[in-house]
Amino acid sequence: MKEVEICPICGSRDVTFDKSNKLLEAISMHTNYICNRCGNTFIAPLEVDEDEYKELKEAPLTPDILRDTQNKIRVGGGYGYALIFIIFSIITIIIALIAGLFVR
């Protein structure tokens, strides 16, 4: 049976890649998903059979979920990966420059 991706917080199928980190998007490292219904970000959505999804009900969007999701439920390493990539690039450039000085 076909599987569908759902948000682990509210159960919505309205889940897409989180493209808020432009650096990761530029190097094609999509690490996070975002629920367009409740705003939750996560590493991987839940995958359930399409028949199971029809039996599930989406959680009601209470004010607590809407207020706290962006502050407490944010999961993923998008910014960490970008920082590691930048640091690695800088170190590589420095090593190449130093190596170039000793070649002469």
Protein backbone atom coordinates (compact mmCIF):
# COMPACT_ATOMS: atom_id res chain seq x y z
CA MET A 1 0.00 0.00 0.00
CA LYS A 2 1.09 3.57 -0.58
CA GLU A 3 2.56 5.44 2.39
CA VAL A 4 1.89 9.08 3.18
CA GLU A 5 3.99 11.50 5.22
CA ILE A 6 2.32 13.21 8.19
CA CYS A 7 3.31 15.70 10.87
CA PRO A 8 4.19 13.99 14.19
CA ILE A 9 2.45 16.77 16.17
CA CYS A 10 -0.86 17.48 14.44
CA GLY A 11 -1.15 14.58 11.97
CA SER A 12 -1.53 16.78 8.88
CA ARG A 13 -0.43 15.63 5.41
CA ASP A 14 0.58 19.22 4.55
CA VAL A 15 4.31 18.50 5.05
CA THR A 16 7.08 19.94 2.85
CA PHE A 17 10.84 20.52 2.96
CA ASP A 18 11.88 23.38 5.25
CA LYS A 19 13.61 25.81 2.88
CA SER A 20 14.27 28.54 5.44
CA ASN A 21 18.03 27.81 5.52
CA LYS A 22 19.22 29.13 2.15
CA LEU A 23 22.77 27.82 2.58
CA LEU A 24 21.61 24.23 3.00
CA GLU A 25 19.19 24.68 0.13
CA ALA A 26 22.03 25.94 -2.09
CA ILE A 27 24.10 22.81 -1.47
CA SER A 28 21.04 20.53 -1.72
CA MET A 29 21.08 19.42 1.91
CA HIS A 30 17.42 19.42 2.86
CA THR A 31 17.52 18.10 6.40
CA ASN A 32 14.28 19.35 7.88
CA TYR A 33 10.62 19.13 7.04
CA ILE A 34 7.98 21.65 8.06
CA CYS A 35 4.28 21.21 8.72
CA ASN A 36 2.45 24.01 6.94
CA ARG A 37 -0.54 23.55 9.25
CA CYS A 38 1.01 23.86 12.73
CA GLY A 39 4.50 25.18 11.90
CA ASN A 40 6.36 22.24 13.46
CA THR A 41 9.80 21.45 12.00
CA PHE A 42 11.28 17.99 12.24
CA ILE A 43 13.93 15.74 10.70
CA ALA A 44 11.60 13.10 9.27
CA PRO A 45 7.82 12.96 9.01
CA LEU A 46 5.86 9.95 10.17
CA GLU A 47 5.07 7.55 7.35
CA VAL A 48 1.78 5.67 7.57
CA ASP A 49 -0.27 3.64 5.12
CA GLU A 50 -2.88 5.64 3.26
CA ASP A 51 -5.63 3.44 4.74
CA GLU A 52 -4.34 4.10 8.27
CA TYR A 53 -4.26 7.83 7.59
CA LYS A 54 -7.95 7.83 6.64
CA GLU A 55 -8.71 6.41 10.11
CA LEU A 56 -6.54 9.00 11.90
CA LYS A 57 -7.89 12.40 12.77
CA GLU A 58 -5.83 15.54 12.68
CA ALA A 59 -5.27 17.01 16.12
CA PRO A 60 -7.16 20.25 16.70
CA LEU A 61 -4.91 23.29 16.56
CA THR A 62 -5.20 24.58 20.09
CA PRO A 63 -3.59 27.90 21.05
CA ASP A 64 -0.97 25.93 23.04
CA ILE A 65 0.15 23.99 19.98
CA LEU A 66 0.30 27.10 17.81
CA ARG A 67 2.19 29.13 20.42
CA ASP A 68 4.63 26.47 21.67
CA THR A 69 5.42 24.56 18.49
CA GLN A 70 7.85 27.11 17.09
CA ASN A 71 9.62 27.48 20.45
CA LYS A 72 9.77 23.97 21.89
CA ILE A 73 9.33 21.42 19.15
CA ARG A 74 11.94 22.69 16.70
CA VAL A 75 14.07 19.67 15.84
CA GLY A 76 16.95 19.29 13.43
CA GLY A 77 20.50 20.24 12.75
CA GLY A 78 20.10 22.58 9.79
CA TYR A 79 22.06 25.47 11.29
CA GLY A 80 24.64 23.11 12.78
CA TYR A 81 25.31 21.52 9.39
CA ALA A 82 25.65 24.94 7.78
CA LEU A 83 28.10 26.09 10.44
CA ILE A 84 30.22 22.94 10.05
CA PHE A 85 30.24 23.42 6.27
CA ILE A 86 31.39 27.04 6.59
CA ILE A 87 34.12 26.20 9.12
CA PHE A 88 35.35 23.29 6.98
CA SER A 89 35.47 25.55 3.91
CA ILE A 90 37.46 28.23 5.73
CA ILE A 91 39.95 25.69 7.10
CA THR A 92 40.36 24.18 3.63
CA ILE A 93 41.09 27.60 2.11
CA ILE A 94 43.62 28.43 4.86
CA ILE A 95 45.41 25.11 4.38
CA ALA A 96 45.52 25.65 0.60
CA LEU A 97 46.99 29.14 1.06
CA ILE A 98 49.62 27.89 3.52
CA ALA A 99 50.53 25.01 1.23
CA GLY A 100 50.87 27.47 -1.65
CA LEU A 101 53.44 29.50 0.35
CA PHE A 102 55.70 26.49 0.86
CA VAL A 103 55.58 25.30 -2.76
CA ARG A 104 57.61 28.24 -4.04
